[in-house]
Amino acid sequence: MDEIFQQEIKHKKKKKLEIILIIVVLVLIIGAGVIFYFSRINREKNFISTTIETEKGNIELELDKKAAPKTVENFVKLAKDGFYDGTKFHRVVENFVIQGGDPLSKDDDPNNDGQGGPGYNIEDEINPKSLGISEDIINQLEYLGYKFNYSLKSIPHKIGTISMANSGPDTDGSQFFIITTQDQPDLDGRYTAFGQVVGGMEVVRQIKQGDIIKAITINN
């Protein structure tokens, strides 16, 4: 009888351990799912998925709202309004950048390409300290008229970075460029980077001057 009783106790303990193990596994699975869900929600909150449709294929981007909120808002509005549809990549510099976003590039006169915009300017959104720029360089840039926002976490100008073209401090509008083959740290502190290519870098590198942007689509 004692032996049978002991076996029953062992069996019950084993069952309890199995139940506890199942509960632990379920908690871990649910916890991982919750973490994944909220991380995805947080990512969707901070990043905007965007597609540039070109004659050579699609360029997939993630726009970073935390790095440059006003810039992203402006770009998204212009894209949704169809502002970029039919514009050209009017400037392509080998091993450097492709540049587009000028409404004047829609016409047949290449001489005015690069001179157009949406009819207004937006301010730069740059935090030079988050980019590791020295105080001496910051002072030089401030002397030239650049104003900085030290609450932002700016994006460095690396391969695949999308950034606003400008003609000086606070002259951003609609024109943008994408870095093609080499990191460009010399651009840090002077241009507002606001996103990154996450797919289609091979398309970026195939773009030639005059290639058409069919549309820019905001996916979320």
N, C-alpha and C. Protein backbone atom coordinates (compact mmCIF):
# COMPACT_ATOMS: atom_id res chain seq x y z
N MET A 1 0.83 -1.21 0.00
CA MET A 1 0.00 0.00 0.00
C MET A 1 0.87 1.26 0.00
N ASP A 2 1.94 1.22 0.84
CA ASP A 2 2.84 2.38 0.90
C ASP A 2 3.47 2.66 -0.45
N GLU A 3 3.84 1.58 -1.14
CA GLU A 3 4.48 1.74 -2.46
C GLU A 3 3.51 2.36 -3.46
N ILE A 4 2.27 1.89 -3.42
CA ILE A 4 1.24 2.45 -4.32
C ILE A 4 1.00 3.92 -3.98
N PHE A 5 0.95 4.21 -2.68
CA PHE A 5 0.73 5.59 -2.23
C PHE A 5 1.86 6.51 -2.70
N GLN A 6 3.09 6.02 -2.57
CA GLN A 6 4.25 6.80 -3.01
C GLN A 6 4.22 7.04 -4.52
N GLN A 7 3.81 6.05 -5.27
CA GLN A 7 3.71 6.18 -6.72
C GLN A 7 2.66 7.23 -7.11
N GLU A 8 1.54 7.22 -6.36
CA GLU A 8 0.48 8.21 -6.62
C GLU A 8 0.99 9.63 -6.35
N ILE A 9 1.75 9.77 -5.26
CA ILE A 9 2.32 11.08 -4.92
C ILE A 9 3.28 11.55 -6.02
N LYS A 10 4.15 10.62 -6.47
CA LYS A 10 5.09 10.96 -7.55
C LYS A 10 4.36 11.35 -8.82
N HIS A 11 3.28 10.60 -9.11
CA HIS A 11 2.50 10.88 -10.31
C HIS A 11 1.85 12.26 -10.23
N LYS A 12 1.31 12.59 -9.05
CA LYS A 12 0.67 13.90 -8.86
C LYS A 12 1.69 15.02 -8.98
N LYS A 13 2.89 14.80 -8.39
CA LYS A 13 3.95 15.80 -8.48
C LYS A 13 4.37 16.03 -9.92
N LYS A 14 4.46 14.92 -10.66
CA LYS A 14 4.84 15.01 -12.07
C LYS A 14 3.80 15.80 -12.85
N LYS A 15 2.53 15.51 -12.56
CA LYS A 15 1.44 16.23 -13.23
C LYS A 15 1.49 17.73 -12.92
N LYS A 16 1.74 18.04 -11.64
CA LYS A 16 1.83 19.44 -11.24
C LYS A 16 2.96 20.16 -11.96
N LEU A 17 4.11 19.46 -12.04
CA LEU A 17 5.26 20.04 -12.74
C LEU A 17 4.95 20.26 -14.21
N GLU A 18 4.25 19.31 -14.81
CA GLU A 18 3.87 19.44 -16.22
C GLU A 18 2.93 20.63 -16.42
N ILE A 19 1.97 20.78 -15.49
CA ILE A 19 1.03 21.90 -15.57
C ILE A 19 1.76 23.23 -15.40
N ILE A 20 2.68 23.26 -14.41
CA ILE A 20 3.46 24.49 -14.17
C ILE A 20 4.29 24.83 -15.40
N LEU A 21 4.90 23.81 -16.00
CA LEU A 21 5.72 24.02 -17.20
C LEU A 21 4.88 24.56 -18.35
N ILE A 22 3.69 23.99 -18.52
CA ILE A 22 2.78 24.46 -19.58
C ILE A 22 2.39 25.91 -19.34
N ILE A 23 2.08 26.24 -18.07
CA ILE A 23 1.71 27.62 -17.73
C ILE A 23 2.85 28.58 -18.02
N VAL A 24 4.08 28.17 -17.62
CA VAL A 24 5.26 29.02 -17.86
C VAL A 24 5.46 29.26 -19.35
N VAL A 25 5.33 28.18 -20.15
CA VAL A 25 5.49 28.30 -21.60
C VAL A 25 4.43 29.22 -22.19
N LEU A 26 3.18 29.05 -21.73
CA LEU A 26 2.09 29.91 -22.22
C LEU A 26 2.32 31.37 -21.87
N VAL A 27 2.79 31.60 -20.63
CA VAL A 27 3.07 32.98 -20.20
C VAL A 27 4.16 33.59 -21.07
N LEU A 28 5.21 32.80 -21.35
CA LEU A 28 6.31 33.29 -22.19
C LEU A 28 5.83 33.60 -23.60
N ILE A 29 4.99 32.71 -24.15
CA ILE A 29 4.46 32.92 -25.51
C ILE A 29 3.59 34.17 -25.56
N ILE A 30 2.68 34.28 -24.57
CA ILE A 30 1.80 35.45 -24.53
C ILE A 30 2.61 36.72 -24.32
N GLY A 31 3.61 36.63 -23.41
CA GLY A 31 4.46 37.80 -23.15
C GLY A 31 5.21 38.24 -24.39
N ALA A 32 5.75 37.25 -25.12
CA ALA A 32 6.49 37.57 -26.35
C ALA A 32 5.55 38.21 -27.37
N GLY A 33 4.33 37.67 -27.44
CA GLY A 33 3.35 38.23 -28.37
C GLY A 33 2.98 39.66 -28.03
N VAL A 34 2.81 39.92 -26.73
CA VAL A 34 2.47 41.28 -26.28
C VAL A 34 3.61 42.24 -26.59
N ILE A 35 4.85 41.79 -26.30
CA ILE A 35 6.02 42.64 -26.58
C ILE A 35 6.12 42.94 -28.06
N PHE A 36 5.92 41.89 -28.90
CA PHE A 36 5.99 42.07 -30.35
C PHE A 36 4.91 43.03 -30.82
N TYR A 37 3.70 42.87 -30.27
CA TYR A 37 2.57 43.73 -30.67
C TYR A 37 2.86 45.19 -30.36
N PHE A 38 3.29 45.45 -29.11
CA PHE A 38 3.51 46.84 -28.72
C PHE A 38 4.74 47.43 -29.39
N SER A 39 5.76 46.59 -29.66
CA SER A 39 6.93 47.10 -30.38
C SER A 39 6.55 47.45 -31.81
N ARG A 40 5.65 46.65 -32.40
CA ARG A 40 5.18 46.96 -33.76
C ARG A 40 4.35 48.24 -33.76
N ILE A 41 3.47 48.38 -32.75
CA ILE A 41 2.67 49.60 -32.63
C ILE A 41 3.57 50.81 -32.45
N ASN A 42 4.59 50.64 -31.59
CA ASN A 42 5.52 51.74 -31.33
C ASN A 42 6.30 52.10 -32.59
N ARG A 43 6.69 51.06 -33.36
CA ARG A 43 7.42 51.31 -34.61
C ARG A 43 6.54 52.03 -35.61
N GLU A 44 5.29 51.58 -35.73
CA GLU A 44 4.36 52.24 -36.65
C GLU A 44 4.09 53.68 -36.23
N LYS A 45 4.16 53.92 -34.92
CA LYS A 45 3.94 55.27 -34.40
C LYS A 45 5.10 56.19 -34.77
N ASN A 46 6.33 55.64 -34.76
CA ASN A 46 7.52 56.46 -34.98
C ASN A 46 8.03 56.45 -36.42
N PHE A 47 7.67 55.40 -37.18
CA PHE A 47 8.17 55.27 -38.54
C PHE A 47 7.02 55.17 -39.53
N ILE A 48 7.21 55.80 -40.69
CA ILE A 48 6.20 55.76 -41.74
C ILE A 48 6.77 55.03 -42.95
N SER A 49 6.10 53.95 -43.33
CA SER A 49 6.51 53.17 -44.50
C SER A 49 6.10 53.91 -45.77
N THR A 50 7.05 54.07 -46.66
CA THR A 50 6.83 54.87 -47.87
C THR A 50 7.44 54.18 -49.08
N THR A 51 6.78 54.29 -50.22
CA THR A 51 7.28 53.70 -51.47
C THR A 51 7.43 54.78 -52.53
N ILE A 52 8.64 54.87 -53.09
CA ILE A 52 8.86 55.72 -54.26
C ILE A 52 8.82 54.81 -55.48
N GLU A 53 7.80 55.00 -56.32
CA GLU A 53 7.65 54.19 -57.52
C GLU A 53 8.35 54.89 -58.69
N THR A 54 9.32 54.21 -59.29
CA THR A 54 10.08 54.79 -60.40
C THR A 54 10.01 53.88 -61.62
N GLU A 55 10.56 54.36 -62.71
CA GLU A 55 10.61 53.57 -63.94
C GLU A 55 11.52 52.36 -63.78
N LYS A 56 12.46 52.42 -62.85
CA LYS A 56 13.43 51.33 -62.65
C LYS A 56 12.96 50.32 -61.60
N GLY A 57 11.90 50.66 -60.88
CA GLY A 57 11.43 49.80 -59.80
C GLY A 57 11.08 50.63 -58.58
N ASN A 58 10.78 49.96 -57.48
CA ASN A 58 10.34 50.65 -56.27
C ASN A 58 11.48 50.82 -55.26
N ILE A 59 11.45 51.95 -54.59
CA ILE A 59 12.36 52.23 -53.48
C ILE A 59 11.53 52.29 -52.21
N GLU A 60 11.83 51.41 -51.25
CA GLU A 60 11.08 51.35 -50.00
C GLU A 60 11.82 52.13 -48.92
N LEU A 61 11.07 52.99 -48.23
CA LEU A 61 11.67 53.85 -47.21
C LEU A 61 10.95 53.72 -45.88
N GLU A 62 11.66 54.01 -44.80
CA GLU A 62 11.05 54.25 -43.50
C GLU A 62 11.40 55.68 -43.10
N LEU A 63 10.36 56.50 -42.92
CA LEU A 63 10.55 57.88 -42.51
C LEU A 63 10.50 57.96 -40.98
N ASP A 64 11.45 58.65 -40.39
CA ASP A 64 11.60 58.68 -38.93
C ASP A 64 10.99 59.96 -38.35
N LYS A 65 9.82 59.82 -37.75
CA LYS A 65 9.11 60.98 -37.20
C LYS A 65 9.81 61.56 -35.97
N LYS A 66 10.54 60.72 -35.24
CA LYS A 66 11.22 61.22 -34.05
C LYS A 66 12.45 62.04 -34.43
N ALA A 67 13.08 61.69 -35.54
CA ALA A 67 14.28 62.41 -35.97
C ALA A 67 13.95 63.77 -36.55
N ALA A 68 12.84 63.83 -37.31
CA ALA A 68 12.49 65.08 -37.99
C ALA A 68 10.97 65.15 -38.20
N PRO A 69 10.21 65.42 -37.14
CA PRO A 69 8.74 65.34 -37.21
C PRO A 69 8.10 66.29 -38.22
N LYS A 70 8.55 67.55 -38.26
CA LYS A 70 7.94 68.51 -39.18
C LYS A 70 8.31 68.19 -40.63
N THR A 71 9.52 67.73 -40.83
CA THR A 71 9.98 67.36 -42.17
C THR A 71 9.19 66.18 -42.70
N VAL A 72 9.01 65.16 -41.86
CA VAL A 72 8.24 63.98 -42.26
C VAL A 72 6.80 64.38 -42.55
N GLU A 73 6.22 65.19 -41.69
CA GLU A 73 4.84 65.64 -41.89
C GLU A 73 4.69 66.36 -43.23
N ASN A 74 5.64 67.21 -43.56
CA ASN A 74 5.60 67.94 -44.83
C ASN A 74 5.73 67.00 -46.02
N PHE A 75 6.67 66.06 -45.94
CA PHE A 75 6.90 65.11 -47.03
C PHE A 75 5.67 64.25 -47.25
N VAL A 76 5.08 63.77 -46.16
CA VAL A 76 3.88 62.92 -46.24
C VAL A 76 2.73 63.69 -46.88
N LYS A 77 2.54 64.93 -46.47
CA LYS A 77 1.45 65.75 -47.03
C LYS A 77 1.64 65.93 -48.54
N LEU A 78 2.85 66.29 -48.94
CA LEU A 78 3.12 66.49 -50.37
C LEU A 78 2.89 65.20 -51.15
N ALA A 79 3.35 64.08 -50.58
CA ALA A 79 3.17 62.79 -51.26
C ALA A 79 1.70 62.45 -51.41
N LYS A 80 0.93 62.63 -50.34
CA LYS A 80 -0.51 62.32 -50.40
C LYS A 80 -1.26 63.24 -51.36
N ASP A 81 -0.77 64.45 -51.51
CA ASP A 81 -1.40 65.40 -52.44
C ASP A 81 -1.01 65.15 -53.89
N GLY A 82 -0.11 64.18 -54.11
CA GLY A 82 0.33 63.88 -55.48
C GLY A 82 1.35 64.86 -56.01
N PHE A 83 1.94 65.65 -55.12
CA PHE A 83 2.88 66.70 -55.52
C PHE A 83 4.07 66.13 -56.30
N TYR A 84 4.53 64.95 -55.87
CA TYR A 84 5.74 64.38 -56.47
C TYR A 84 5.47 63.58 -57.74
N ASP A 85 4.22 63.26 -58.00
CA ASP A 85 3.88 62.40 -59.14
C ASP A 85 4.31 63.06 -60.45
N GLY A 86 5.14 62.36 -61.22
CA GLY A 86 5.57 62.88 -62.51
C GLY A 86 6.81 63.76 -62.46
N THR A 87 7.33 64.02 -61.26
CA THR A 87 8.58 64.77 -61.17
C THR A 87 9.75 63.85 -61.55
N LYS A 88 10.90 64.45 -61.78
CA LYS A 88 12.07 63.67 -62.21
C LYS A 88 13.18 63.72 -61.15
N PHE A 89 14.04 62.74 -61.24
CA PHE A 89 15.32 62.85 -60.53
C PHE A 89 16.18 63.75 -61.41
N HIS A 90 16.21 65.02 -61.07
CA HIS A 90 16.84 66.01 -61.95
C HIS A 90 18.35 66.15 -61.72
N ARG A 91 18.83 65.57 -60.63
CA ARG A 91 20.27 65.66 -60.33
C ARG A 91 20.76 64.30 -59.85
N VAL A 92 21.72 63.75 -60.55
CA VAL A 92 22.33 62.48 -60.17
C VAL A 92 23.84 62.65 -60.22
N VAL A 93 24.48 62.48 -59.07
CA VAL A 93 25.94 62.58 -58.98
C VAL A 93 26.47 61.19 -58.63
N GLU A 94 27.29 60.64 -59.51
CA GLU A 94 27.78 59.28 -59.34
C GLU A 94 28.51 59.12 -58.00
N ASN A 95 28.21 58.00 -57.33
CA ASN A 95 28.81 57.67 -56.03
C ASN A 95 28.53 58.72 -54.95
N PHE A 96 27.43 59.46 -55.13
CA PHE A 96 27.10 60.49 -54.14
C PHE A 96 25.60 60.48 -53.83
N VAL A 97 24.79 61.11 -54.68
CA VAL A 97 23.35 61.21 -54.40
C VAL A 97 22.52 61.17 -55.67
N ILE A 98 21.24 60.84 -55.49
CA ILE A 98 20.21 61.12 -56.49
C ILE A 98 19.26 62.12 -55.86
N GLN A 99 18.85 63.12 -56.63
CA GLN A 99 18.02 64.20 -56.07
C GLN A 99 16.77 64.40 -56.91
N GLY A 100 15.64 64.58 -56.23
CA GLY A 100 14.37 64.80 -56.91
C GLY A 100 13.46 65.68 -56.07
N GLY A 101 12.19 65.76 -56.51
CA GLY A 101 11.20 66.50 -55.74
C GLY A 101 10.92 67.91 -56.21
N ASP A 102 11.48 68.30 -57.37
CA ASP A 102 11.25 69.64 -57.89
C ASP A 102 10.08 69.62 -58.88
N PRO A 103 9.00 70.38 -58.62
CA PRO A 103 7.86 70.38 -59.54
C PRO A 103 8.21 70.94 -60.92
N LEU A 104 9.25 71.77 -61.00
CA LEU A 104 9.66 72.33 -62.29
C LEU A 104 10.26 71.27 -63.22
N SER A 105 10.63 70.13 -62.64
CA SER A 105 11.20 69.06 -63.46
C SER A 105 10.15 68.35 -64.29
N LYS A 106 8.88 68.68 -64.06
CA LYS A 106 7.81 68.06 -64.85
C LYS A 106 7.76 68.60 -66.28
N ASP A 107 8.28 69.81 -66.47
CA ASP A 107 8.21 70.38 -67.82
C ASP A 107 9.37 69.89 -68.69
N ASP A 108 9.44 70.38 -69.91
CA ASP A 108 10.45 69.92 -70.86
C ASP A 108 11.71 70.78 -70.84
N ASP A 109 11.77 71.73 -69.93
CA ASP A 109 12.93 72.61 -69.86
C ASP A 109 13.85 72.19 -68.72
N PRO A 110 14.97 71.54 -69.01
CA PRO A 110 15.87 71.10 -67.94
C PRO A 110 16.63 72.24 -67.28
N ASN A 111 16.61 73.41 -67.89
CA ASN A 111 17.39 74.54 -67.37
C ASN A 111 16.85 75.08 -66.04
N ASN A 112 15.55 74.85 -65.78
CA ASN A 112 15.00 75.36 -64.51
C ASN A 112 14.91 74.27 -63.43
N ASP A 113 15.38 73.07 -63.76
CA ASP A 113 15.34 71.99 -62.78
C ASP A 113 16.22 72.32 -61.57
N GLY A 114 15.69 72.06 -60.40
CA GLY A 114 16.42 72.33 -59.17
C GLY A 114 16.08 73.67 -58.55
N GLN A 115 15.24 74.44 -59.23
CA GLN A 115 14.91 75.78 -58.74
C GLN A 115 13.52 75.86 -58.10
N GLY A 116 12.75 74.78 -58.20
CA GLY A 116 11.36 74.82 -57.75
C GLY A 116 11.15 74.26 -56.36
N GLY A 117 9.93 74.44 -55.88
CA GLY A 117 9.55 73.94 -54.57
C GLY A 117 8.06 74.06 -54.37
N PRO A 118 7.58 73.89 -53.15
CA PRO A 118 6.14 73.93 -52.88
C PRO A 118 5.59 75.34 -52.69
N GLY A 119 6.46 76.34 -52.74
CA GLY A 119 6.00 77.72 -52.52
C GLY A 119 6.19 78.20 -51.10
N TYR A 120 6.85 77.42 -50.28
CA TYR A 120 7.15 77.80 -48.90
C TYR A 120 8.41 77.06 -48.46
N ASN A 121 8.96 77.48 -47.34
CA ASN A 121 10.12 76.80 -46.75
C ASN A 121 9.76 76.28 -45.37
N ILE A 122 10.43 75.21 -44.97
CA ILE A 122 10.30 74.72 -43.60
C ILE A 122 11.68 74.74 -42.94
N GLU A 123 11.68 74.77 -41.63
CA GLU A 123 12.93 74.90 -40.90
C GLU A 123 13.71 73.59 -40.86
N ASP A 124 15.03 73.70 -40.70
CA ASP A 124 15.86 72.52 -40.52
C ASP A 124 15.50 71.83 -39.20
N GLU A 125 15.71 70.53 -39.17
CA GLU A 125 15.54 69.76 -37.92
C GLU A 125 16.81 68.94 -37.73
N ILE A 126 17.75 69.52 -37.01
CA ILE A 126 19.07 68.92 -36.87
C ILE A 126 19.55 69.06 -35.42
N ASN A 127 20.07 67.98 -34.88
CA ASN A 127 20.74 68.01 -33.58
C ASN A 127 22.20 67.60 -33.81
N PRO A 128 23.11 68.55 -33.94
CA PRO A 128 24.50 68.21 -34.26
C PRO A 128 25.20 67.39 -33.17
N LYS A 129 24.78 67.58 -31.92
CA LYS A 129 25.42 66.84 -30.83
C LYS A 129 25.12 65.35 -30.92
N SER A 130 23.90 65.00 -31.33
CA SER A 130 23.56 63.57 -31.46
C SER A 130 24.30 62.94 -32.63
N LEU A 131 24.85 63.77 -33.52
CA LEU A 131 25.62 63.29 -34.66
C LEU A 131 27.12 63.27 -34.36
N GLY A 132 27.48 63.70 -33.17
CA GLY A 132 28.90 63.68 -32.78
C GLY A 132 29.71 64.82 -33.36
N ILE A 133 29.05 65.90 -33.76
CA ILE A 133 29.74 67.04 -34.35
C ILE A 133 30.39 67.87 -33.23
N SER A 134 31.61 68.30 -33.45
CA SER A 134 32.36 69.03 -32.42
C SER A 134 31.79 70.43 -32.18
N GLU A 135 32.11 70.97 -31.02
CA GLU A 135 31.63 72.32 -30.67
C GLU A 135 32.16 73.37 -31.65
N ASP A 136 33.39 73.20 -32.10
CA ASP A 136 33.97 74.16 -33.05
C ASP A 136 33.15 74.22 -34.34
N ILE A 137 32.80 73.03 -34.86
CA ILE A 137 32.00 72.97 -36.10
C ILE A 137 30.61 73.52 -35.85
N ILE A 138 30.02 73.19 -34.69
CA ILE A 138 28.69 73.72 -34.35
C ILE A 138 28.71 75.24 -34.34
N ASN A 139 29.74 75.80 -33.72
CA ASN A 139 29.85 77.27 -33.67
C ASN A 139 29.96 77.87 -35.07
N GLN A 140 30.72 77.19 -35.94
CA GLN A 140 30.86 77.67 -37.31
C GLN A 140 29.52 77.64 -38.05
N LEU A 141 28.78 76.53 -37.85
CA LEU A 141 27.48 76.40 -38.51
C LEU A 141 26.49 77.43 -37.98
N GLU A 142 26.51 77.66 -36.68
CA GLU A 142 25.62 78.68 -36.11
C GLU A 142 25.97 80.07 -36.64
N TYR A 143 27.24 80.32 -36.85
CA TYR A 143 27.67 81.60 -37.42
C TYR A 143 27.12 81.78 -38.83
N LEU A 144 26.98 80.65 -39.56
CA LEU A 144 26.44 80.69 -40.92
C LEU A 144 24.92 80.80 -40.94
N GLY A 145 24.30 80.72 -39.77
CA GLY A 145 22.86 80.91 -39.69
C GLY A 145 22.05 79.66 -39.37
N TYR A 146 22.73 78.53 -39.16
CA TYR A 146 22.00 77.30 -38.83
C TYR A 146 21.52 77.35 -37.39
N LYS A 147 20.26 76.94 -37.20
CA LYS A 147 19.68 76.84 -35.86
C LYS A 147 19.41 75.37 -35.58
N PHE A 148 19.71 74.94 -34.37
CA PHE A 148 19.63 73.52 -34.06
C PHE A 148 18.58 73.22 -32.99
N ASN A 149 18.07 72.00 -33.06
CA ASN A 149 17.10 71.51 -32.08
C ASN A 149 17.74 70.35 -31.32
N TYR A 150 18.15 70.62 -30.09
CA TYR A 150 18.91 69.63 -29.34
C TYR A 150 18.05 68.55 -28.69
N SER A 151 16.75 68.60 -28.91
CA SER A 151 15.87 67.56 -28.38
C SER A 151 15.69 66.40 -29.37
N LEU A 152 16.15 66.59 -30.60
CA LEU A 152 15.99 65.57 -31.63
C LEU A 152 17.14 64.56 -31.60
N LYS A 153 16.87 63.39 -32.17
CA LYS A 153 17.94 62.40 -32.37
C LYS A 153 18.15 62.27 -33.87
N SER A 154 19.07 63.06 -34.38
CA SER A 154 19.26 63.16 -35.83
C SER A 154 19.86 61.89 -36.43
N ILE A 155 19.56 61.69 -37.71
CA ILE A 155 20.07 60.55 -38.47
C ILE A 155 21.34 60.96 -39.20
N PRO A 156 22.41 60.17 -39.10
CA PRO A 156 23.62 60.49 -39.86
C PRO A 156 23.43 60.20 -41.35
N HIS A 157 24.18 60.87 -42.17
CA HIS A 157 24.08 60.70 -43.63
C HIS A 157 24.92 59.50 -44.07
N LYS A 158 24.24 58.35 -44.07
CA LYS A 158 24.88 57.10 -44.49
C LYS A 158 24.25 56.61 -45.79
N ILE A 159 24.80 55.54 -46.33
CA ILE A 159 24.24 54.96 -47.55
C ILE A 159 22.76 54.67 -47.34
N GLY A 160 21.92 55.15 -48.24
CA GLY A 160 20.48 54.90 -48.15
C GLY A 160 19.70 55.94 -47.38
N THR A 161 20.38 56.91 -46.78
CA THR A 161 19.68 57.97 -46.04
C THR A 161 18.96 58.89 -47.01
N ILE A 162 17.71 59.26 -46.68
CA ILE A 162 16.99 60.28 -47.44
C ILE A 162 17.02 61.57 -46.63
N SER A 163 17.33 62.67 -47.29
CA SER A 163 17.52 63.94 -46.61
C SER A 163 16.97 65.07 -47.47
N MET A 164 16.68 66.20 -46.84
CA MET A 164 16.14 67.34 -47.56
C MET A 164 17.25 68.15 -48.22
N ALA A 165 17.07 68.45 -49.50
CA ALA A 165 17.98 69.37 -50.19
C ALA A 165 17.64 70.79 -49.76
N ASN A 166 18.65 71.66 -49.76
CA ASN A 166 18.38 73.05 -49.41
C ASN A 166 19.40 73.97 -50.07
N SER A 167 19.16 75.27 -49.95
CA SER A 167 20.09 76.26 -50.48
C SER A 167 20.67 77.11 -49.35
N GLY A 168 20.56 76.59 -48.13
CA GLY A 168 21.04 77.30 -46.96
C GLY A 168 20.16 76.99 -45.77
N PRO A 169 20.41 77.62 -44.63
CA PRO A 169 19.63 77.35 -43.42
C PRO A 169 18.13 77.61 -43.61
N ASP A 170 17.32 76.67 -43.14
CA ASP A 170 15.86 76.81 -43.12
C ASP A 170 15.26 77.10 -44.50
N THR A 171 15.79 76.44 -45.52
CA THR A 171 15.24 76.61 -46.88
C THR A 171 14.72 75.29 -47.44
N ASP A 172 14.42 74.33 -46.56
CA ASP A 172 13.85 73.06 -47.02
C ASP A 172 12.47 73.30 -47.62
N GLY A 173 12.12 72.50 -48.60
CA GLY A 173 10.79 72.63 -49.21
C GLY A 173 10.26 71.28 -49.64
N SER A 174 10.55 70.89 -50.86
CA SER A 174 10.07 69.60 -51.37
C SER A 174 11.19 68.73 -51.91
N GLN A 175 12.32 69.34 -52.26
CA GLN A 175 13.39 68.57 -52.88
C GLN A 175 14.13 67.73 -51.84
N PHE A 176 14.48 66.52 -52.24
CA PHE A 176 15.15 65.58 -51.36
C PHE A 176 16.25 64.86 -52.13
N PHE A 177 17.14 64.23 -51.38
CA PHE A 177 18.17 63.40 -52.02
C PHE A 177 18.36 62.12 -51.23
N ILE A 178 18.87 61.10 -51.92
CA ILE A 178 19.17 59.81 -51.31
C ILE A 178 20.64 59.50 -51.58
N ILE A 179 21.37 59.12 -50.54
CA ILE A 179 22.80 58.80 -50.66
C ILE A 179 22.95 57.41 -51.26
N THR A 180 23.84 57.28 -52.24
CA THR A 180 23.87 56.07 -53.07
C THR A 180 24.91 55.02 -52.68
N THR A 181 26.18 55.37 -52.62
CA THR A 181 27.20 54.32 -52.49
C THR A 181 28.19 54.51 -51.36
N GLN A 182 28.27 55.70 -50.79
CA GLN A 182 29.24 55.97 -49.73
C GLN A 182 28.62 56.85 -48.65
N ASP A 183 28.96 56.57 -47.38
CA ASP A 183 28.52 57.44 -46.30
C ASP A 183 29.04 58.86 -46.55
N GLN A 184 28.24 59.85 -46.13
CA GLN A 184 28.59 61.26 -46.38
C GLN A 184 28.52 62.07 -45.08
N PRO A 185 29.45 61.83 -44.15
CA PRO A 185 29.41 62.55 -42.87
C PRO A 185 29.57 64.06 -43.01
N ASP A 186 30.15 64.52 -44.12
CA ASP A 186 30.32 65.97 -44.32
C ASP A 186 28.98 66.70 -44.45
N LEU A 187 27.91 65.93 -44.74
CA LEU A 187 26.59 66.55 -44.87
C LEU A 187 25.90 66.71 -43.51
N ASP A 188 26.40 66.01 -42.50
CA ASP A 188 25.79 66.09 -41.17
C ASP A 188 25.88 67.52 -40.63
N GLY A 189 24.77 67.96 -40.05
CA GLY A 189 24.73 69.29 -39.46
C GLY A 189 24.21 70.37 -40.40
N ARG A 190 24.15 70.06 -41.71
CA ARG A 190 23.71 71.06 -42.69
C ARG A 190 22.44 70.67 -43.44
N TYR A 191 22.09 69.39 -43.35
CA TYR A 191 20.90 68.90 -44.06
C TYR A 191 20.07 68.05 -43.11
N THR A 192 18.76 68.12 -43.26
CA THR A 192 17.85 67.37 -42.39
C THR A 192 17.59 65.98 -42.97
N ALA A 193 18.20 64.98 -42.34
CA ALA A 193 17.95 63.59 -42.72
C ALA A 193 16.68 63.13 -42.02
N PHE A 194 15.81 62.44 -42.76
CA PHE A 194 14.51 62.08 -42.16
C PHE A 194 14.06 60.66 -42.45
N GLY A 195 14.94 59.81 -42.93
CA GLY A 195 14.54 58.43 -43.16
C GLY A 195 15.65 57.61 -43.78
N GLN A 196 15.30 56.36 -44.08
CA GLN A 196 16.29 55.41 -44.58
C GLN A 196 15.66 54.47 -45.59
N VAL A 197 16.41 54.15 -46.63
CA VAL A 197 15.97 53.13 -47.58
C VAL A 197 16.05 51.77 -46.89
N VAL A 198 14.97 51.00 -46.94
CA VAL A 198 14.94 49.67 -46.34
C VAL A 198 14.76 48.59 -47.40
N GLY A 199 14.60 49.00 -48.64
CA GLY A 199 14.47 48.05 -49.75
C GLY A 199 14.59 48.78 -51.07
N GLY A 200 15.31 48.17 -52.01
CA GLY A 200 15.43 48.77 -53.33
C GLY A 200 16.66 49.64 -53.53
N MET A 201 17.73 49.38 -52.75
CA MET A 201 18.96 50.15 -52.97
C MET A 201 19.52 49.89 -54.36
N GLU A 202 19.25 48.70 -54.91
CA GLU A 202 19.71 48.43 -56.28
C GLU A 202 19.01 49.34 -57.27
N VAL A 203 17.76 49.70 -56.96
CA VAL A 203 17.02 50.65 -57.81
C VAL A 203 17.64 52.04 -57.67
N VAL A 204 17.93 52.44 -56.44
CA VAL A 204 18.55 53.75 -56.20
C VAL A 204 19.80 53.90 -57.05
N ARG A 205 20.61 52.85 -57.10
CA ARG A 205 21.89 52.93 -57.82
C ARG A 205 21.73 52.85 -59.33
N GLN A 206 20.52 52.48 -59.79
CA GLN A 206 20.27 52.43 -61.24
C GLN A 206 19.68 53.73 -61.77
N ILE A 207 19.24 54.61 -60.86
CA ILE A 207 18.57 55.84 -61.29
C ILE A 207 19.53 56.72 -62.10
N LYS A 208 19.02 57.23 -63.21
CA LYS A 208 19.76 58.16 -64.06
C LYS A 208 19.06 59.52 -64.05
N GLN A 209 19.79 60.56 -64.38
CA GLN A 209 19.21 61.89 -64.46
C GLN A 209 18.08 61.91 -65.48
N GLY A 210 16.93 62.41 -65.05
CA GLY A 210 15.76 62.46 -65.92
C GLY A 210 14.77 61.34 -65.70
N ASP A 211 15.15 60.32 -64.90
CA ASP A 211 14.20 59.24 -64.59
C ASP A 211 13.02 59.81 -63.81
N ILE A 212 11.83 59.28 -64.12
CA ILE A 212 10.59 59.84 -63.57
C ILE A 212 10.16 59.13 -62.28
N ILE A 213 9.69 59.94 -61.33
CA ILE A 213 9.02 59.42 -60.14
C ILE A 213 7.54 59.29 -60.49
N LYS A 214 7.07 58.06 -60.61
CA LYS A 214 5.66 57.86 -60.97
C LYS A 214 4.74 58.30 -59.84
N ALA A 215 5.11 57.92 -58.62
CA ALA A 215 4.30 58.27 -57.45
C ALA A 215 5.10 58.00 -56.19
N ILE A 216 4.73 58.69 -55.13
CA ILE A 216 5.25 58.38 -53.79
C ILE A 216 4.05 58.04 -52.93
N THR A 217 4.04 56.81 -52.41
CA THR A 217 2.88 56.30 -51.67
C THR A 217 3.22 56.16 -50.19
N ILE A 218 2.34 56.64 -49.34
CA ILE A 218 2.47 56.47 -47.89
C ILE A 218 1.68 55.23 -47.51
N ASN A 219 2.36 54.25 -46.91
CA ASN A 219 1.75 52.94 -46.69
C ASN A 219 1.09 52.77 -45.33
N ASN A 220 1.34 53.66 -44.38
CA ASN A 220 0.68 53.53 -43.07
C ASN A 220 0.43 54.89 -42.43
